Amino acid sequence: MGQKHRTQILLEPEQHNALVEIAHQEERSISDLVRRIVNQYLEERARDSERQRAVQSLQRLTVLRKRIAQRSGVYLGDVIAETRSERDKQMEQVWGGAER
């Protein structure tokens, strides 16, 4: 890890006692424990921020889809099934014509 910066924080007695106990159980320093806790918080915050950006993007896409649907309409048919059906008809014509 790179250069560290000294930071002073004031904790409630219960917080300090809990950190001392956890640090003792995990055989680490309180400073190391606090750094791990801060890292976890920062990672969680970054994930939340990414989720929020994804939700905003989906909301913008929904608005765009609605605009496109209003302007151009929406085809409610099953394009794949219709294409397959048309292909099958063409194949029947080709194969039916070859047998004659």
PDB file of N, CA and C in Angstrom:
ATOM      1  N   MET A   1       0.854  -1.178   0.000  1.00  0.00           N
ATOM      2  CA  MET A   1       0.000   0.000   0.000  1.00  0.00           C
ATOM      3  C   MET A   1       0.897   1.237   0.000  1.00  0.00           C
ATOM      4  N   GLY A   2       0.447   2.305  -0.584  1.00  0.00           N
ATOM      5  CA  GLY A   2       1.227   3.530  -0.710  1.00  0.00           C
ATOM      6  C   GLY A   2       1.293   4.319   0.581  1.00  0.00           C
ATOM      7  N   GLN A   3       1.644   5.565   0.427  1.00  0.00           N
ATOM      8  CA  GLN A   3       1.764   6.474   1.558  1.00  0.00           C
ATOM      9  C   GLN A   3       0.425   6.609   2.264  1.00  0.00           C
ATOM     10  N   LYS A   4       0.475   6.609   3.574  1.00  0.00           N
ATOM     11  CA  LYS A   4      -0.739   6.750   4.376  1.00  0.00           C
ATOM     12  C   LYS A   4      -0.809   8.159   4.936  1.00  0.00           C
ATOM     13  N   HIS A   5      -2.014   8.607   5.199  1.00  0.00           N
ATOM     14  CA  HIS A   5      -2.241   9.933   5.772  1.00  0.00           C
ATOM     15  C   HIS A   5      -2.824   9.765   7.169  1.00  0.00           C
ATOM     16  N   ARG A   6      -2.273  10.498   8.085  1.00  0.00           N
ATOM     17  CA  ARG A   6      -2.769  10.440   9.458  1.00  0.00           C
ATOM     18  C   ARG A   6      -4.089  11.205   9.541  1.00  0.00           C
ATOM     19  N   THR A   7      -5.083  10.547  10.141  1.00  0.00           N
ATOM     20  CA  THR A   7      -6.396  11.158  10.325  1.00  0.00           C
ATOM     21  C   THR A   7      -6.843  10.888  11.754  1.00  0.00           C
ATOM     22  N   GLN A   8      -7.349  11.904  12.377  1.00  0.00           N
ATOM     23  CA  GLN A   8      -7.833  11.747  13.740  1.00  0.00           C
ATOM     24  C   GLN A   8      -9.357  11.746  13.702  1.00  0.00           C
ATOM     25  N   ILE A   9      -9.947  10.757  14.369  1.00  0.00           N
ATOM     26  CA  ILE A   9     -11.407  10.709  14.453  1.00  0.00           C
ATOM     27  C   ILE A   9     -11.803  10.546  15.917  1.00  0.00           C
ATOM     28  N   LEU A  10     -12.977  11.039  16.223  1.00  0.00           N
ATOM     29  CA  LEU A  10     -13.513  10.886  17.575  1.00  0.00           C
ATOM     30  C   LEU A  10     -14.635   9.861  17.522  1.00  0.00           C
ATOM     31  N   LEU A  11     -14.540   8.851  18.375  1.00  0.00           N
ATOM     32  CA  LEU A  11     -15.530   7.783  18.413  1.00  0.00           C
ATOM     33  C   LEU A  11     -16.293   7.816  19.727  1.00  0.00           C
ATOM     34  N   GLU A  12     -17.492   7.340  19.656  1.00  0.00           N
ATOM     35  CA  GLU A  12     -18.257   7.124  20.894  1.00  0.00           C
ATOM     36  C   GLU A  12     -17.575   5.986  21.659  1.00  0.00           C
ATOM     37  N   PRO A  13     -17.694   5.973  22.972  1.00  0.00           N
ATOM     38  CA  PRO A  13     -17.039   4.906  23.746  1.00  0.00           C
ATOM     39  C   PRO A  13     -17.445   3.502  23.286  1.00  0.00           C
ATOM     40  N   GLU A  14     -18.727   3.330  22.942  1.00  0.00           N
ATOM     41  CA  GLU A  14     -19.192   2.004  22.508  1.00  0.00           C
ATOM     42  C   GLU A  14     -18.526   1.602  21.187  1.00  0.00           C
ATOM     43  N   GLN A  15     -18.369   2.575  20.298  1.00  0.00           N
ATOM     44  CA  GLN A  15     -17.720   2.296  19.019  1.00  0.00           C
ATOM     45  C   GLN A  15     -16.268   1.885  19.226  1.00  0.00           C
ATOM     46  N   HIS A  16     -15.586   2.642  20.057  1.00  0.00           N
ATOM     47  CA  HIS A  16     -14.173   2.341  20.327  1.00  0.00           C
ATOM     48  C   HIS A  16     -14.021   0.969  20.965  1.00  0.00           C
ATOM     49  N   ASN A  17     -14.856   0.686  21.952  1.00  0.00           N
ATOM     50  CA  ASN A  17     -14.783  -0.620  22.631  1.00  0.00           C
ATOM     51  C   ASN A  17     -15.041  -1.764  21.652  1.00  0.00           C
ATOM     52  N   ALA A  18     -16.019  -1.577  20.762  1.00  0.00           N
ATOM     53  CA  ALA A  18     -16.326  -2.611  19.776  1.00  0.00           C
ATOM     54  C   ALA A  18     -15.150  -2.814  18.826  1.00  0.00           C
ATOM     55  N   LEU A  19     -14.530  -1.721  18.377  1.00  0.00           N
ATOM     56  CA  LEU A  19     -13.376  -1.833  17.483  1.00  0.00           C
ATOM     57  C   LEU A  19     -12.197  -2.510  18.180  1.00  0.00           C
ATOM     58  N   VAL A  20     -11.973  -2.167  19.431  1.00  0.00           N
ATOM     59  CA  VAL A  20     -10.881  -2.795  20.185  1.00  0.00           C
ATOM     60  C   VAL A  20     -11.115  -4.297  20.265  1.00  0.00           C
ATOM     61  N   GLU A  21     -12.337  -4.690  20.558  1.00  0.00           N
ATOM     62  CA  GLU A  21     -12.676  -6.115  20.686  1.00  0.00           C
ATOM     63  C   GLU A  21     -12.487  -6.848  19.352  1.00  0.00           C
ATOM     64  N   ILE A  22     -12.998  -6.270  18.280  1.00  0.00           N
ATOM     65  CA  ILE A  22     -12.878  -6.900  16.951  1.00  0.00           C
ATOM     66  C   ILE A  22     -11.411  -6.980  16.539  1.00  0.00           C
ATOM     67  N   ALA A  23     -10.677  -5.896  16.730  1.00  0.00           N
ATOM     68  CA  ALA A  23      -9.256  -5.881  16.377  1.00  0.00           C
ATOM     69  C   ALA A  23      -8.499  -6.960  17.149  1.00  0.00           C
ATOM     70  N   HIS A  24      -8.840  -7.105  18.425  1.00  0.00           N
ATOM     71  CA  HIS A  24      -8.197  -8.136  19.253  1.00  0.00           C
ATOM     72  C   HIS A  24      -8.544  -9.532  18.719  1.00  0.00           C
ATOM     73  N   GLN A  25      -9.817  -9.763  18.408  1.00  0.00           N
ATOM     74  CA  GLN A  25     -10.255 -11.077  17.906  1.00  0.00           C
ATOM     75  C   GLN A  25      -9.583 -11.411  16.568  1.00  0.00           C
ATOM     76  N   GLU A  26      -9.417 -10.422  15.716  1.00  0.00           N
ATOM     77  CA  GLU A  26      -8.842 -10.648  14.389  1.00  0.00           C
ATOM     78  C   GLU A  26      -7.321 -10.461  14.362  1.00  0.00           C
ATOM     79  N   GLU A  27      -6.769 -10.155  15.521  1.00  0.00           N
ATOM     80  CA  GLU A  27      -5.323  -9.957  15.656  1.00  0.00           C
ATOM     81  C   GLU A  27      -4.800  -8.942  14.646  1.00  0.00           C
ATOM     82  N   ARG A  28      -5.460  -7.778  14.606  1.00  0.00           N
ATOM     83  CA  ARG A  28      -5.025  -6.671  13.745  1.00  0.00           C
ATOM     84  C   ARG A  28      -5.117  -5.393  14.562  1.00  0.00           C
ATOM     85  N   SER A  29      -4.560  -4.360  14.005  1.00  0.00           N
ATOM     86  CA  SER A  29      -4.614  -3.072  14.691  1.00  0.00           C
ATOM     87  C   SER A  29      -5.969  -2.408  14.420  1.00  0.00           C
ATOM     88  N   ILE A  30      -6.305  -1.469  15.289  1.00  0.00           N
ATOM     89  CA  ILE A  30      -7.539  -0.709  15.067  1.00  0.00           C
ATOM     90  C   ILE A  30      -7.424   0.074  13.762  1.00  0.00           C
ATOM     91  N   SER A  31      -6.243   0.617  13.479  1.00  0.00           N
ATOM     92  CA  SER A  31      -6.045   1.361  12.223  1.00  0.00           C
ATOM     93  C   SER A  31      -6.321   0.477  11.011  1.00  0.00           C
ATOM     94  N   ASP A  32      -5.800  -0.745  11.031  1.00  0.00           N
ATOM     95  CA  ASP A  32      -6.016  -1.664   9.912  1.00  0.00           C
ATOM     96  C   ASP A  32      -7.500  -1.994   9.789  1.00  0.00           C
ATOM     97  N   LEU A  33      -8.139  -2.231  10.911  1.00  0.00           N
ATOM     98  CA  LEU A  33      -9.570  -2.537  10.912  1.00  0.00           C
ATOM     99  C   LEU A  33     -10.380  -1.369  10.354  1.00  0.00           C
ATOM    100  N   VAL A  34     -10.076  -0.159  10.779  1.00  0.00           N
ATOM    101  CA  VAL A  34     -10.789   1.029  10.295  1.00  0.00           C
ATOM    102  C   VAL A  34     -10.556   1.206   8.796  1.00  0.00           C
ATOM    103  N   ARG A  35      -9.317   0.973   8.327  1.00  0.00           N
ATOM    104  CA  ARG A  35      -9.055   1.075   6.878  1.00  0.00           C
ATOM    105  C   ARG A  35      -9.894   0.068   6.102  1.00  0.00           C
ATOM    106  N   ARG A  36     -10.009  -1.153   6.618  1.00  0.00           N
ATOM    107  CA  ARG A  36     -10.841  -2.171   5.947  1.00  0.00           C
ATOM    108  C   ARG A  36     -12.304  -1.744   5.915  1.00  0.00           C
ATOM    109  N   ILE A  37     -12.796  -1.204   7.013  1.00  0.00           N
ATOM    110  CA  ILE A  37     -14.190  -0.755   7.090  1.00  0.00           C
ATOM    111  C   ILE A  37     -14.423   0.381   6.095  1.00  0.00           C
ATOM    112  N   VAL A  38     -13.489   1.323   6.033  1.00  0.00           N
ATOM    113  CA  VAL A  38     -13.610   2.450   5.100  1.00  0.00           C
ATOM    114  C   VAL A  38     -13.600   1.933   3.662  1.00  0.00           C
ATOM    115  N   ASN A  39     -12.698   0.992   3.352  1.00  0.00           N
ATOM    116  CA  ASN A  39     -12.654   0.419   2.002  1.00  0.00           C
ATOM    117  C   ASN A  39     -13.976  -0.253   1.631  1.00  0.00           C
ATOM    118  N   GLN A  40     -14.532  -1.011   2.559  1.00  0.00           N
ATOM    119  CA  GLN A  40     -15.821  -1.672   2.301  1.00  0.00           C
ATOM    120  C   GLN A  40     -16.905  -0.638   2.013  1.00  0.00           C
ATOM    121  N   TYR A  41     -16.931   0.423   2.785  1.00  0.00           N
ATOM    122  CA  TYR A  41     -17.916   1.479   2.585  1.00  0.00           C
ATOM    123  C   TYR A  41     -17.743   2.134   1.212  1.00  0.00           C
ATOM    124  N   LEU A  42     -16.494   2.432   0.851  1.00  0.00           N
ATOM    125  CA  LEU A  42     -16.227   3.085  -0.436  1.00  0.00           C
ATOM    126  C   LEU A  42     -16.604   2.178  -1.612  1.00  0.00           C
ATOM    127  N   GLU A  43     -16.326   0.873  -1.488  1.00  0.00           N
ATOM    128  CA  GLU A  43     -16.704  -0.072  -2.548  1.00  0.00           C
ATOM    129  C   GLU A  43     -18.225  -0.157  -2.669  1.00  0.00           C
ATOM    130  N   GLU A  44     -18.912  -0.223  -1.533  1.00  0.00           N
ATOM    131  CA  GLU A  44     -20.381  -0.276  -1.542  1.00  0.00           C
ATOM    132  C   GLU A  44     -20.960   0.989  -2.176  1.00  0.00           C
ATOM    133  N   ARG A  45     -20.383   2.103  -1.840  1.00  0.00           N
ATOM    134  CA  ARG A  45     -20.843   3.383  -2.388  1.00  0.00           C
ATOM    135  C   ARG A  45     -20.640   3.435  -3.906  1.00  0.00           C
ATOM    136  N   ALA A  46     -19.496   2.913  -4.374  1.00  0.00           N
ATOM    137  CA  ALA A  46     -19.229   2.868  -5.816  1.00  0.00           C
ATOM    138  C   ALA A  46     -20.234   1.952  -6.519  1.00  0.00           C
ATOM    139  N   ARG A  47     -20.550   0.798  -5.910  1.00  0.00           N
ATOM    140  CA  ARG A  47     -21.549  -0.121  -6.488  1.00  0.00           C
ATOM    141  C   ARG A  47     -22.917   0.552  -6.548  1.00  0.00           C
ATOM    142  N   ASP A  48     -23.290   1.250  -5.472  1.00  0.00           N
ATOM    143  CA  ASP A  48     -24.574   1.938  -5.451  1.00  0.00           C
ATOM    144  C   ASP A  48     -24.634   3.009  -6.532  1.00  0.00           C
ATOM    145  N   SER A  49     -23.542   3.716  -6.708  1.00  0.00           N
ATOM    146  CA  SER A  49     -23.477   4.762  -7.728  1.00  0.00           C
ATOM    147  C   SER A  49     -23.626   4.148  -9.123  1.00  0.00           C
ATOM    148  N   GLU A  50     -22.971   3.023  -9.356  1.00  0.00           N
ATOM    149  CA  GLU A  50     -23.070   2.340 -10.654  1.00  0.00           C
ATOM    150  C   GLU A  50     -24.499   1.846 -10.891  1.00  0.00           C
ATOM    151  N   ARG A  51     -25.114   1.299  -9.848  1.00  0.00           N
ATOM    152  CA  ARG A  51     -26.516   0.853  -9.965  1.00  0.00           C
ATOM    153  C   ARG A  51     -27.430   2.023 -10.294  1.00  0.00           C
ATOM    154  N   GLN A  52     -27.201   3.139  -9.644  1.00  0.00           N
ATOM    155  CA  GLN A  52     -28.025   4.322  -9.881  1.00  0.00           C
ATOM    156  C   GLN A  52     -27.863   4.811 -11.324  1.00  0.00           C
ATOM    157  N   ARG A  53     -26.640   4.794 -11.839  1.00  0.00           N
ATOM    158  CA  ARG A  53     -26.421   5.194 -13.240  1.00  0.00           C
ATOM    159  C   ARG A  53     -27.124   4.227 -14.189  1.00  0.00           C
ATOM    160  N   ALA A  54     -27.100   2.943 -13.880  1.00  0.00           N
ATOM    161  CA  ALA A  54     -27.768   1.947 -14.723  1.00  0.00           C
ATOM    162  C   ALA A  54     -29.277   2.159 -14.712  1.00  0.00           C
ATOM    163  N   VAL A  55     -29.847   2.431 -13.557  1.00  0.00           N
ATOM    164  CA  VAL A  55     -31.286   2.682 -13.459  1.00  0.00           C
ATOM    165  C   VAL A  55     -31.655   3.931 -14.252  1.00  0.00           C
ATOM    166  N   GLN A  56     -30.861   4.972 -14.140  1.00  0.00           N
ATOM    167  CA  GLN A  56     -31.127   6.204 -14.897  1.00  0.00           C
ATOM    168  C   GLN A  56     -31.054   5.947 -16.393  1.00  0.00           C
ATOM    169  N   SER A  57     -30.106   5.130 -16.824  1.00  0.00           N
ATOM    170  CA  SER A  57     -30.001   4.791 -18.249  1.00  0.00           C
ATOM    171  C   SER A  57     -31.234   4.036 -18.712  1.00  0.00           C
ATOM    172  N   LEU A  58     -31.698   3.094 -17.906  1.00  0.00           N
ATOM    173  CA  LEU A  58     -32.902   2.335 -18.259  1.00  0.00           C
ATOM    174  C   LEU A  58     -34.124   3.249 -18.313  1.00  0.00           C
ATOM    175  N   GLN A  59     -34.192   4.194 -17.415  1.00  0.00           N
ATOM    176  CA  GLN A  59     -35.310   5.138 -17.434  1.00  0.00           C
ATOM    177  C   GLN A  59     -35.271   5.987 -18.702  1.00  0.00           C
ATOM    178  N   ARG A  60     -34.079   6.428 -19.115  1.00  0.00           N
ATOM    179  CA  ARG A  60     -33.964   7.199 -20.358  1.00  0.00           C
ATOM    180  C   ARG A  60     -34.369   6.352 -21.555  1.00  0.00           C
ATOM    181  N   LEU A  61     -33.969   5.071 -21.567  1.00  0.00           N
ATOM    182  CA  LEU A  61     -34.366   4.173 -22.653  1.00  0.00           C
ATOM    183  C   LEU A  61     -35.881   3.992 -22.708  1.00  0.00           C
ATOM    184  N   THR A  62     -36.508   3.888 -21.562  1.00  0.00           N
ATOM    185  CA  THR A  62     -37.962   3.743 -21.508  1.00  0.00           C
ATOM    186  C   THR A  62     -38.643   4.959 -22.120  1.00  0.00           C
ATOM    187  N   VAL A  63     -38.142   6.138 -21.787  1.00  0.00           N
ATOM    188  CA  VAL A  63     -38.699   7.374 -22.355  1.00  0.00           C
ATOM    189  C   VAL A  63     -38.525   7.374 -23.866  1.00  0.00           C
ATOM    190  N   LEU A  64     -37.330   6.990 -24.342  1.00  0.00           N
ATOM    191  CA  LEU A  64     -37.084   6.949 -25.782  1.00  0.00           C
ATOM    192  C   LEU A  64     -38.000   5.947 -26.483  1.00  0.00           C
ATOM    193  N   ARG A  65     -38.184   4.787 -25.890  1.00  0.00           N
ATOM    194  CA  ARG A  65     -39.078   3.782 -26.476  1.00  0.00           C
ATOM    195  C   ARG A  65     -40.496   4.309 -26.584  1.00  0.00           C
ATOM    196  N   LYS A  66     -40.949   4.992 -25.563  1.00  0.00           N
ATOM    197  CA  LYS A  66     -42.308   5.548 -25.599  1.00  0.00           C
ATOM    198  C   LYS A  66     -42.431   6.589 -26.697  1.00  0.00           C
ATOM    199  N   ARG A  67     -41.416   7.433 -26.847  1.00  0.00           N
ATOM    200  CA  ARG A  67     -41.438   8.453 -27.910  1.00  0.00           C
ATOM    201  C   ARG A  67     -41.476   7.794 -29.289  1.00  0.00           C
ATOM    202  N   ILE A  68     -40.654   6.781 -29.470  1.00  0.00           N
ATOM    203  CA  ILE A  68     -40.618   6.082 -30.758  1.00  0.00           C
ATOM    204  C   ILE A  68     -41.960   5.412 -31.032  1.00  0.00           C
ATOM    205  N   ALA A  69     -42.530   4.783 -30.008  1.00  0.00           N
ATOM    206  CA  ALA A  69     -43.828   4.123 -30.180  1.00  0.00           C
ATOM    207  C   ALA A  69     -44.908   5.138 -30.542  1.00  0.00           C
ATOM    208  N   GLN A  70     -44.896   6.309 -29.920  1.00  0.00           N
ATOM    209  CA  GLN A  70     -45.888   7.334 -30.226  1.00  0.00           C
ATOM    210  C   GLN A  70     -45.703   7.870 -31.638  1.00  0.00           C
ATOM    211  N   ARG A  71     -44.477   8.035 -32.052  1.00  0.00           N
ATOM    212  CA  ARG A  71     -44.187   8.609 -33.351  1.00  0.00           C
ATOM    213  C   ARG A  71     -44.374   7.593 -34.481  1.00  0.00           C
ATOM    214  N   SER A  72     -43.919   6.360 -34.276  1.00  0.00           N
ATOM    215  CA  SER A  72     -43.879   5.386 -35.360  1.00  0.00           C
ATOM    216  C   SER A  72     -44.830   4.214 -35.176  1.00  0.00           C
ATOM    217  N   GLY A  73     -45.370   4.059 -34.011  1.00  0.00           N
ATOM    218  CA  GLY A  73     -46.223   2.901 -33.744  1.00  0.00           C
ATOM    219  C   GLY A  73     -45.385   1.697 -33.349  1.00  0.00           C
ATOM    220  N   VAL A  74     -46.071   0.669 -32.934  1.00  0.00           N
ATOM    221  CA  VAL A  74     -45.402  -0.546 -32.484  1.00  0.00           C
ATOM    222  C   VAL A  74     -46.046  -1.725 -33.199  1.00  0.00           C
ATOM    223  N   TYR A  75     -45.219  -2.584 -33.799  1.00  0.00           N
ATOM    224  CA  TYR A  75     -45.716  -3.780 -34.464  1.00  0.00           C
ATOM    225  C   TYR A  75     -45.925  -4.857 -33.408  1.00  0.00           C
ATOM    226  N   LEU A  76     -47.138  -5.362 -33.296  1.00  0.00           N
ATOM    227  CA  LEU A  76     -47.461  -6.316 -32.242  1.00  0.00           C
ATOM    228  C   LEU A  76     -47.376  -7.761 -32.698  1.00  0.00           C
ATOM    229  N   GLY A  77     -47.090  -7.965 -33.976  1.00  0.00           N
ATOM    230  CA  GLY A  77     -47.005  -9.333 -34.498  1.00  0.00           C
ATOM    231  C   GLY A  77     -45.738 -10.036 -34.052  1.00  0.00           C
ATOM    232  N   ASP A  78     -45.653 -11.313 -34.419  1.00  0.00           N
ATOM    233  CA  ASP A  78     -44.477 -12.120 -34.114  1.00  0.00           C
ATOM    234  C   ASP A  78     -43.651 -12.233 -35.390  1.00  0.00           C
ATOM    235  N   VAL A  79     -42.668 -11.385 -35.520  1.00  0.00           N
ATOM    236  CA  VAL A  79     -41.876 -11.289 -36.743  1.00  0.00           C
ATOM    237  C   VAL A  79     -41.194 -12.615 -37.066  1.00  0.00           C
ATOM    238  N   ILE A  80     -40.665 -13.282 -36.100  1.00  0.00           N
ATOM    239  CA  ILE A  80     -39.942 -14.539 -36.339  1.00  0.00           C
ATOM    240  C   ILE A  80     -40.898 -15.610 -36.834  1.00  0.00           C
ATOM    241  N   ALA A  81     -42.029 -15.777 -36.154  1.00  0.00           N
ATOM    242  CA  ALA A  81     -42.997 -16.792 -36.586  1.00  0.00           C
ATOM    243  C   ALA A  81     -43.525 -16.489 -37.983  1.00  0.00           C
ATOM    244  N   GLU A  82     -43.782 -15.224 -38.275  1.00  0.00           N
ATOM    245  CA  GLU A  82     -44.287 -14.851 -39.591  1.00  0.00           C
ATOM    246  C   GLU A  82     -43.240 -15.103 -40.671  1.00  0.00           C
ATOM    247  N   THR A  83     -41.991 -14.819 -40.383  1.00  0.00           N
ATOM    248  CA  THR A  83     -40.910 -15.057 -41.338  1.00  0.00           C
ATOM    249  C   THR A  83     -40.757 -16.550 -41.603  1.00  0.00           C
ATOM    250  N   ARG A  84     -40.810 -17.351 -40.562  1.00  0.00           N
ATOM    251  CA  ARG A  84     -40.705 -18.807 -40.731  1.00  0.00           C
ATOM    252  C   ARG A  84     -41.867 -19.345 -41.558  1.00  0.00           C
ATOM    253  N   SER A  85     -43.055 -18.856 -41.271  1.00  0.00           N
ATOM    254  CA  SER A  85     -44.229 -19.293 -42.026  1.00  0.00           C
ATOM    255  C   SER A  85     -44.081 -18.955 -43.511  1.00  0.00           C
ATOM    256  N   GLU A  86     -43.645 -17.746 -43.799  1.00  0.00           N
ATOM    257  CA  GLU A  86     -43.443 -17.322 -45.187  1.00  0.00           C
ATOM    258  C   GLU A  86     -42.364 -18.177 -45.852  1.00  0.00           C
ATOM    259  N   ARG A  87     -41.299 -18.450 -45.140  1.00  0.00           N
ATOM    260  CA  ARG A  87     -40.238 -19.300 -45.680  1.00  0.00           C
ATOM    261  C   ARG A  87     -40.759 -20.700 -45.978  1.00  0.00           C
ATOM    262  N   ASP A  88     -41.551 -21.254 -45.041  1.00  0.00           N
ATOM    263  CA  ASP A  88     -42.109 -22.591 -45.254  1.00  0.00           C
ATOM    264  C   ASP A  88     -42.998 -22.631 -46.497  1.00  0.00           C
ATOM    265  N   LYS A  89     -43.795 -21.578 -46.710  1.00  0.00           N
ATOM    266  CA  LYS A  89     -44.651 -21.514 -47.900  1.00  0.00           C
ATOM    267  C   LYS A  89     -43.802 -21.485 -49.163  1.00  0.00           C
ATOM    268  N   GLN A  90     -42.746 -20.707 -49.140  1.00  0.00           N
ATOM    269  CA  GLN A  90     -41.862 -20.623 -50.303  1.00  0.00           C
ATOM    270  C   GLN A  90     -41.183 -21.967 -50.563  1.00  0.00           C
ATOM    271  N   MET A  91     -40.765 -22.637 -49.501  1.00  0.00           N
ATOM    272  CA  MET A  91     -40.125 -23.943 -49.667  1.00  0.00           C
ATOM    273  C   MET A  91     -41.110 -24.959 -50.249  1.00  0.00           C
ATOM    274  N   GLU A  92     -42.354 -24.923 -49.805  1.00  0.00           N
ATOM    275  CA  GLU A  92     -43.370 -25.824 -50.355  1.00  0.00           C
ATOM    276  C   GLU A  92     -43.562 -25.567 -51.839  1.00  0.00           C
ATOM    277  N   GLN A  93     -43.579 -24.295 -52.235  1.00  0.00           N
ATOM    278  CA  GLN A  93     -43.739 -23.955 -53.653  1.00  0.00           C
ATOM    279  C   GLN A  93     -42.550 -24.459 -54.459  1.00  0.00           C
ATOM    280  N   VAL A  94     -41.347 -24.269 -53.935  1.00  0.00           N
ATOM    281  CA  VAL A  94     -40.155 -24.710 -54.652  1.00  0.00           C
ATOM    282  C   VAL A  94     -40.116 -26.230 -54.756  1.00  0.00           C
ATOM    283  N   TRP A  95     -40.345 -26.917 -53.666  1.00  0.00           N
ATOM    284  CA  TRP A  95     -40.280 -28.378 -53.669  1.00  0.00           C
ATOM    285  C   TRP A  95     -41.496 -28.971 -54.379  1.00  0.00           C
ATOM    286  N   GLY A  96     -42.634 -28.323 -54.223  1.00  0.00           N
ATOM    287  CA  GLY A  96     -43.837 -28.815 -54.918  1.00  0.00           C
ATOM    288  C   GLY A  96     -43.683 -28.674 -56.413  1.00  0.00           C
ATOM    289  N   GLY A  97     -43.063 -27.604 -56.884  1.00  0.00           N
ATOM    290  CA  GLY A  97     -42.842 -27.367 -58.304  1.00  0.00           C
ATOM    291  C   GLY A  97     -41.822 -28.334 -58.877  1.00  0.00           C
ATOM    292  N   ALA A  98     -40.875 -28.782 -58.047  1.00  0.00           N
ATOM    293  CA  ALA A  98     -39.829 -29.669 -58.540  1.00  0.00           C
ATOM    294  C   ALA A  98     -40.351 -31.078 -58.773  1.00  0.00           C
ATOM    295  N   GLU A  99     -41.386 -31.469 -58.026  1.00  0.00           N
ATOM    296  CA  GLU A  99     -41.933 -32.820 -58.157  1.00  0.00           C
ATOM    297  C   GLU A  99     -42.776 -32.960 -59.402  1.00  0.00           C
ATOM    298  N   ARG A 100     -43.302 -31.917 -59.986  1.00  0.00           N
ATOM    299  CA  ARG A 100     -44.214 -31.996 -61.110  1.00  0.00           C
ATOM    300  C   ARG A 100     -43.552 -32.344 -62.364  1.00  0.00           C
TER     301      ARG A 100
END
